[in-house]
N, C-alpha and C. Protein backbone atom coordinates (compact mmCIF):
# COMPACT_ATOMS: atom_id res chain seq x y z
N MET A 1 -17.69 -8.14 66.48
CA MET A 1 -17.05 -6.84 66.45
C MET A 1 -15.91 -6.89 65.44
N THR A 2 -15.82 -5.86 64.62
CA THR A 2 -14.76 -5.80 63.61
C THR A 2 -13.43 -5.44 64.27
N TRP A 3 -12.35 -5.66 63.52
CA TRP A 3 -11.03 -5.27 64.05
C TRP A 3 -10.97 -3.76 64.25
N ARG A 4 -11.56 -3.01 63.35
CA ARG A 4 -11.56 -1.55 63.49
C ARG A 4 -12.27 -1.13 64.78
N GLU A 5 -13.41 -1.75 65.05
CA GLU A 5 -14.16 -1.44 66.27
C GLU A 5 -13.34 -1.80 67.52
N ARG A 6 -12.71 -2.96 67.48
CA ARG A 6 -11.87 -3.37 68.62
C ARG A 6 -10.70 -2.41 68.80
N TYR A 7 -10.09 -2.01 67.69
CA TYR A 7 -8.95 -1.09 67.73
C TYR A 7 -9.35 0.21 68.44
N ARG A 8 -10.49 0.73 68.06
CA ARG A 8 -10.97 1.98 68.68
C ARG A 8 -11.39 1.77 70.14
N LYS A 9 -12.18 0.72 70.37
CA LYS A 9 -12.70 0.46 71.71
C LYS A 9 -11.58 0.25 72.72
N GLU A 10 -10.57 -0.51 72.32
CA GLU A 10 -9.47 -0.83 73.23
C GLU A 10 -8.36 0.22 73.22
N GLN A 11 -8.58 1.28 72.45
CA GLN A 11 -7.60 2.36 72.34
C GLN A 11 -6.20 1.81 72.06
N ALA A 12 -6.13 0.95 71.06
CA ALA A 12 -4.87 0.30 70.70
C ALA A 12 -3.85 1.34 70.21
N TRP A 13 -2.60 1.05 70.49
CA TRP A 13 -1.51 1.89 70.01
C TRP A 13 -1.13 1.49 68.59
N GLY A 14 -1.34 0.20 68.28
CA GLY A 14 -0.99 -0.31 66.96
C GLY A 14 -1.62 -1.65 66.71
N ILE A 15 -1.38 -2.18 65.52
CA ILE A 15 -1.93 -3.46 65.13
C ILE A 15 -0.84 -4.27 64.42
N LEU A 16 -0.76 -5.55 64.76
CA LEU A 16 0.20 -6.48 64.17
C LEU A 16 -0.56 -7.63 63.52
N SER A 17 -0.28 -7.86 62.26
CA SER A 17 -0.86 -9.00 61.56
C SER A 17 0.27 -9.92 61.11
N SER A 18 0.14 -11.19 61.46
CA SER A 18 1.09 -12.20 61.00
C SER A 18 0.35 -13.09 60.01
N VAL A 19 0.86 -13.13 58.79
CA VAL A 19 0.22 -13.86 57.71
C VAL A 19 1.13 -15.00 57.30
N ASP A 20 0.63 -16.23 57.40
CA ASP A 20 1.37 -17.42 56.97
C ASP A 20 0.68 -17.95 55.72
N ILE A 21 1.43 -18.05 54.63
CA ILE A 21 0.87 -18.48 53.36
C ILE A 21 1.50 -19.80 52.94
N ARG A 22 0.65 -20.75 52.60
CA ARG A 22 1.10 -22.05 52.10
C ARG A 22 0.83 -22.15 50.61
N GLY A 23 1.65 -22.94 49.92
CA GLY A 23 1.43 -23.20 48.51
C GLY A 23 1.70 -22.02 47.59
N CYS A 24 2.66 -21.18 47.95
CA CYS A 24 3.03 -20.06 47.08
C CYS A 24 3.63 -20.58 45.79
N LYS A 25 3.46 -19.84 44.72
CA LYS A 25 4.11 -20.17 43.45
C LYS A 25 5.62 -19.95 43.62
N THR A 26 6.39 -20.98 43.31
CA THR A 26 7.84 -20.92 43.48
C THR A 26 8.44 -19.70 42.80
N GLU A 27 8.00 -19.42 41.57
CA GLU A 27 8.58 -18.30 40.83
C GLU A 27 8.25 -16.94 41.45
N ARG A 28 7.26 -16.87 42.31
CA ARG A 28 6.91 -15.61 42.98
C ARG A 28 7.81 -15.37 44.20
N ILE A 29 8.09 -16.41 44.97
CA ILE A 29 8.86 -16.21 46.21
C ILE A 29 10.37 -16.31 46.00
N THR A 30 10.80 -16.77 44.83
CA THR A 30 12.24 -16.92 44.57
C THR A 30 12.78 -15.85 43.64
N ASP A 31 11.96 -14.89 43.26
CA ASP A 31 12.37 -13.81 42.37
C ASP A 31 12.55 -12.54 43.20
N GLU A 32 13.78 -12.06 43.28
CA GLU A 32 14.07 -10.89 44.12
C GLU A 32 13.23 -9.68 43.73
N ARG A 33 13.05 -9.46 42.44
CA ARG A 33 12.27 -8.31 41.99
C ARG A 33 10.82 -8.41 42.46
N VAL A 34 10.24 -9.61 42.39
CA VAL A 34 8.86 -9.82 42.83
C VAL A 34 8.74 -9.55 44.33
N VAL A 35 9.69 -10.06 45.11
CA VAL A 35 9.67 -9.85 46.56
C VAL A 35 9.84 -8.37 46.87
N ARG A 36 10.76 -7.71 46.19
CA ARG A 36 11.02 -6.28 46.41
C ARG A 36 9.77 -5.45 46.06
N ASP A 37 9.15 -5.76 44.93
CA ASP A 37 7.97 -5.01 44.49
C ASP A 37 6.77 -5.24 45.41
N PHE A 38 6.75 -6.38 46.09
CA PHE A 38 5.67 -6.69 47.03
C PHE A 38 5.55 -5.61 48.11
N ALA A 39 6.67 -5.15 48.62
CA ALA A 39 6.66 -4.16 49.70
C ALA A 39 5.92 -2.90 49.25
N SER A 40 6.22 -2.43 48.07
CA SER A 40 5.57 -1.23 47.55
C SER A 40 4.08 -1.47 47.31
N ALA A 41 3.77 -2.61 46.74
CA ALA A 41 2.37 -2.93 46.45
C ALA A 41 1.55 -3.06 47.73
N LEU A 42 2.11 -3.70 48.75
CA LEU A 42 1.39 -3.84 50.01
C LEU A 42 1.18 -2.48 50.67
N CYS A 43 2.18 -1.62 50.61
CA CYS A 43 2.02 -0.28 51.17
C CYS A 43 0.82 0.44 50.55
N LYS A 44 0.63 0.28 49.26
CA LYS A 44 -0.52 0.90 48.60
C LYS A 44 -1.83 0.30 49.10
N VAL A 45 -1.87 -1.01 49.24
CA VAL A 45 -3.09 -1.69 49.67
C VAL A 45 -3.49 -1.25 51.08
N ILE A 46 -2.54 -1.11 51.97
CA ILE A 46 -2.86 -0.75 53.36
C ILE A 46 -2.73 0.75 53.60
N ASP A 47 -2.50 1.51 52.54
CA ASP A 47 -2.44 2.97 52.60
C ASP A 47 -1.36 3.45 53.58
N MET A 48 -0.16 2.91 53.41
CA MET A 48 0.99 3.31 54.23
C MET A 48 2.06 3.86 53.31
N LYS A 49 2.97 4.64 53.87
CA LYS A 49 4.05 5.23 53.09
C LYS A 49 5.37 4.57 53.47
N ALA A 50 6.04 4.02 52.45
CA ALA A 50 7.35 3.39 52.67
C ALA A 50 8.36 4.46 53.09
N TYR A 51 9.27 4.06 53.96
CA TYR A 51 10.36 4.92 54.39
C TYR A 51 11.64 4.30 53.84
N GLY A 52 12.12 4.82 52.74
CA GLY A 52 13.31 4.26 52.11
C GLY A 52 12.98 3.03 51.28
N ASP A 53 14.02 2.40 50.79
CA ASP A 53 13.88 1.20 49.97
C ASP A 53 13.84 -0.04 50.86
N PRO A 54 13.20 -1.11 50.36
CA PRO A 54 13.19 -2.35 51.14
C PRO A 54 14.57 -3.01 51.13
N LEU A 55 14.86 -3.71 52.21
CA LEU A 55 16.04 -4.55 52.29
C LEU A 55 15.60 -5.97 51.95
N VAL A 56 16.19 -6.55 50.93
CA VAL A 56 15.86 -7.91 50.50
C VAL A 56 17.17 -8.69 50.42
N VAL A 57 17.24 -9.78 51.20
CA VAL A 57 18.46 -10.58 51.26
C VAL A 57 18.09 -12.05 51.13
N HIS A 58 18.86 -12.79 50.34
CA HIS A 58 18.66 -14.23 50.19
C HIS A 58 19.73 -14.94 51.01
N PHE A 59 19.29 -15.81 51.92
CA PHE A 59 20.26 -16.55 52.73
C PHE A 59 19.60 -17.79 53.31
N GLY A 60 20.39 -18.55 54.07
CA GLY A 60 19.91 -19.78 54.69
C GLY A 60 20.21 -20.98 53.81
N THR A 61 19.98 -22.17 54.37
CA THR A 61 20.14 -23.42 53.64
C THR A 61 18.97 -24.33 53.99
N GLY A 62 18.74 -25.29 53.10
CA GLY A 62 17.69 -26.28 53.36
C GLY A 62 16.31 -25.65 53.48
N GLU A 63 15.56 -26.11 54.46
CA GLU A 63 14.15 -25.70 54.56
C GLU A 63 13.96 -24.22 54.91
N VAL A 64 14.99 -23.55 55.40
CA VAL A 64 14.84 -22.13 55.74
C VAL A 64 15.44 -21.19 54.70
N GLU A 65 16.01 -21.75 53.62
CA GLU A 65 16.60 -20.91 52.58
C GLU A 65 15.52 -20.09 51.88
N GLY A 66 15.85 -18.82 51.64
CA GLY A 66 14.94 -17.96 50.89
C GLY A 66 15.24 -16.50 51.14
N PHE A 67 14.41 -15.66 50.54
CA PHE A 67 14.56 -14.22 50.73
C PHE A 67 13.94 -13.80 52.05
N SER A 68 14.55 -12.80 52.66
CA SER A 68 13.95 -12.09 53.77
C SER A 68 13.81 -10.64 53.35
N LEU A 69 12.77 -10.02 53.83
CA LEU A 69 12.41 -8.66 53.44
C LEU A 69 12.15 -7.82 54.68
N VAL A 70 12.65 -6.60 54.67
CA VAL A 70 12.30 -5.61 55.68
C VAL A 70 12.01 -4.31 54.95
N GLN A 71 10.83 -3.77 55.21
CA GLN A 71 10.46 -2.47 54.66
C GLN A 71 9.97 -1.58 55.79
N LEU A 72 10.73 -0.56 56.09
CA LEU A 72 10.25 0.41 57.07
C LEU A 72 9.11 1.20 56.44
N ILE A 73 8.11 1.50 57.25
CA ILE A 73 7.04 2.38 56.82
C ILE A 73 6.97 3.51 57.84
N GLU A 74 6.37 4.62 57.46
CA GLU A 74 6.37 5.77 58.36
C GLU A 74 5.67 5.49 59.68
N THR A 75 4.86 4.45 59.71
CA THR A 75 4.15 4.11 60.95
C THR A 75 4.63 2.80 61.55
N SER A 76 5.73 2.24 61.12
CA SER A 76 6.42 1.07 61.69
C SER A 76 7.10 0.22 60.63
N LEU A 77 6.66 -1.06 60.40
CA LEU A 77 7.39 -1.87 59.42
C LEU A 77 6.63 -3.08 58.91
N ILE A 78 7.13 -3.58 57.78
CA ILE A 78 6.67 -4.81 57.17
C ILE A 78 7.89 -5.72 57.09
N SER A 79 7.74 -6.98 57.46
CA SER A 79 8.84 -7.93 57.31
C SER A 79 8.28 -9.23 56.75
N GLY A 80 9.17 -9.99 56.14
CA GLY A 80 8.73 -11.26 55.59
C GLY A 80 9.89 -12.20 55.37
N HIS A 81 9.59 -13.48 55.42
CA HIS A 81 10.56 -14.50 55.03
C HIS A 81 9.86 -15.47 54.11
N PHE A 82 10.57 -15.89 53.08
CA PHE A 82 10.01 -16.74 52.03
C PHE A 82 10.83 -18.02 51.96
N ALA A 83 10.20 -19.14 52.26
CA ALA A 83 10.88 -20.43 52.35
C ALA A 83 10.78 -21.17 51.02
N ASN A 84 11.89 -21.25 50.30
CA ASN A 84 11.91 -21.85 48.97
C ASN A 84 11.45 -23.30 48.96
N GLU A 85 11.99 -24.09 49.87
CA GLU A 85 11.77 -25.54 49.86
C GLU A 85 10.30 -25.92 50.08
N SER A 86 9.62 -25.17 50.93
CA SER A 86 8.22 -25.51 51.26
C SER A 86 7.21 -24.59 50.60
N ASN A 87 7.69 -23.62 49.80
CA ASN A 87 6.80 -22.67 49.12
C ASN A 87 5.87 -21.96 50.09
N ARG A 88 6.44 -21.50 51.20
CA ARG A 88 5.65 -20.76 52.20
C ARG A 88 6.20 -19.35 52.36
N ALA A 89 5.31 -18.46 52.79
CA ALA A 89 5.68 -17.08 53.08
C ALA A 89 5.19 -16.73 54.48
N PHE A 90 6.00 -16.00 55.21
CA PHE A 90 5.68 -15.58 56.57
C PHE A 90 5.85 -14.07 56.62
N ILE A 91 4.74 -13.36 56.72
CA ILE A 91 4.74 -11.90 56.59
C ILE A 91 4.16 -11.29 57.86
N ASP A 92 4.85 -10.27 58.37
CA ASP A 92 4.38 -9.52 59.53
C ASP A 92 4.21 -8.05 59.14
N ILE A 93 3.07 -7.50 59.52
CA ILE A 93 2.77 -6.10 59.24
C ILE A 93 2.43 -5.44 60.56
N PHE A 94 3.25 -4.47 60.96
CA PHE A 94 3.00 -3.75 62.21
C PHE A 94 2.88 -2.27 61.90
N SER A 95 1.83 -1.65 62.43
CA SER A 95 1.65 -0.22 62.24
C SER A 95 0.93 0.38 63.44
N CYS A 96 1.32 1.59 63.77
CA CYS A 96 0.60 2.31 64.81
C CYS A 96 -0.59 3.06 64.22
N ARG A 97 -0.81 2.91 62.93
CA ARG A 97 -2.01 3.43 62.27
C ARG A 97 -2.83 2.24 61.78
N TYR A 98 -4.12 2.29 61.95
CA TYR A 98 -4.98 1.15 61.61
C TYR A 98 -4.97 0.85 60.11
N TYR A 99 -5.05 -0.43 59.79
CA TYR A 99 -5.28 -0.94 58.44
C TYR A 99 -6.14 -2.19 58.61
N GLU A 100 -6.75 -2.66 57.55
CA GLU A 100 -7.61 -3.83 57.60
C GLU A 100 -6.77 -5.11 57.47
N PRO A 101 -6.63 -5.90 58.54
CA PRO A 101 -5.78 -7.08 58.48
C PRO A 101 -6.25 -8.13 57.47
N GLU A 102 -7.55 -8.33 57.36
CA GLU A 102 -8.05 -9.34 56.40
C GLU A 102 -7.73 -8.93 54.96
N ALA A 103 -7.89 -7.66 54.64
CA ALA A 103 -7.58 -7.17 53.30
C ALA A 103 -6.09 -7.34 53.00
N ALA A 104 -5.25 -7.05 53.99
CA ALA A 104 -3.81 -7.21 53.81
C ALA A 104 -3.46 -8.68 53.58
N ALA A 105 -4.06 -9.58 54.37
CA ALA A 105 -3.78 -11.02 54.24
C ALA A 105 -4.23 -11.54 52.88
N ARG A 106 -5.41 -11.15 52.45
CA ARG A 106 -5.89 -11.60 51.13
C ARG A 106 -4.98 -11.11 50.02
N PHE A 107 -4.52 -9.86 50.13
CA PHE A 107 -3.59 -9.34 49.13
C PHE A 107 -2.31 -10.17 49.09
N CYS A 108 -1.76 -10.47 50.27
CA CYS A 108 -0.53 -11.27 50.33
C CYS A 108 -0.74 -12.62 49.65
N LEU A 109 -1.86 -13.28 49.94
CA LEU A 109 -2.17 -14.57 49.33
C LEU A 109 -2.22 -14.46 47.81
N GLU A 110 -2.93 -13.46 47.32
CA GLU A 110 -3.07 -13.28 45.88
C GLU A 110 -1.74 -12.92 45.22
N TYR A 111 -0.97 -12.05 45.86
CA TYR A 111 0.29 -11.60 45.28
C TYR A 111 1.26 -12.76 45.08
N PHE A 112 1.34 -13.63 46.06
CA PHE A 112 2.27 -14.77 45.96
C PHE A 112 1.59 -16.01 45.41
N GLN A 113 0.35 -15.86 44.97
CA GLN A 113 -0.42 -16.92 44.33
C GLN A 113 -0.43 -18.19 45.18
N GLY A 114 -0.68 -17.98 46.47
CA GLY A 114 -0.73 -19.09 47.41
C GLY A 114 -2.04 -19.84 47.38
N GLU A 115 -2.06 -20.97 48.06
CA GLU A 115 -3.26 -21.80 48.12
C GLU A 115 -4.13 -21.46 49.33
N GLN A 116 -3.51 -21.12 50.44
CA GLN A 116 -4.27 -20.78 51.65
C GLN A 116 -3.41 -19.95 52.59
N TYR A 117 -4.10 -19.26 53.50
CA TYR A 117 -3.35 -18.46 54.47
C TYR A 117 -3.94 -18.61 55.86
N GLY A 118 -3.09 -18.35 56.83
CA GLY A 118 -3.51 -18.23 58.22
C GLY A 118 -3.19 -16.81 58.66
N LEU A 119 -4.04 -16.26 59.53
CA LEU A 119 -3.86 -14.89 59.96
C LEU A 119 -4.00 -14.80 61.47
N ASN A 120 -3.01 -14.22 62.11
CA ASN A 120 -3.07 -13.91 63.54
C ASN A 120 -2.97 -12.40 63.67
N VAL A 121 -3.88 -11.83 64.43
CA VAL A 121 -3.90 -10.37 64.62
C VAL A 121 -3.78 -10.08 66.10
N GLN A 122 -2.97 -9.10 66.41
CA GLN A 122 -2.79 -8.68 67.79
C GLN A 122 -2.84 -7.16 67.86
N LEU A 123 -3.64 -6.66 68.78
CA LEU A 123 -3.65 -5.23 69.03
C LEU A 123 -2.57 -4.91 70.03
N ARG A 124 -1.80 -3.87 69.76
CA ARG A 124 -0.71 -3.46 70.64
C ARG A 124 -1.21 -2.30 71.48
N LYS A 125 -0.94 -2.37 72.78
CA LYS A 125 -1.48 -1.35 73.69
C LYS A 125 -0.40 -0.74 74.54
């Protein structure tokens, strides 16, 4: 059964996808403009409308240092944290309107030029 079929069958209120990407290109996750532009690009891929500008902040030390991103969308939000030291990205996409989680995860992998991704999907009820 596809995620769309499950979403309809279970009468889900929303869908949450958590995408963990390993082996990101350092120059992709450490460039504020690239991280900021990601929010807009992902909104297009999943057919969502951004609500305002993304918040992008660089903070932390050691293995947790990197940019964090929050982008409100009209149907909920996108968030992410990018770990400089390990070249990993952790992205969460939550919406009360359906989108294809696999397509979103593949886009995230390609955008940050990662080597592999893990995807966890949860239907919210």
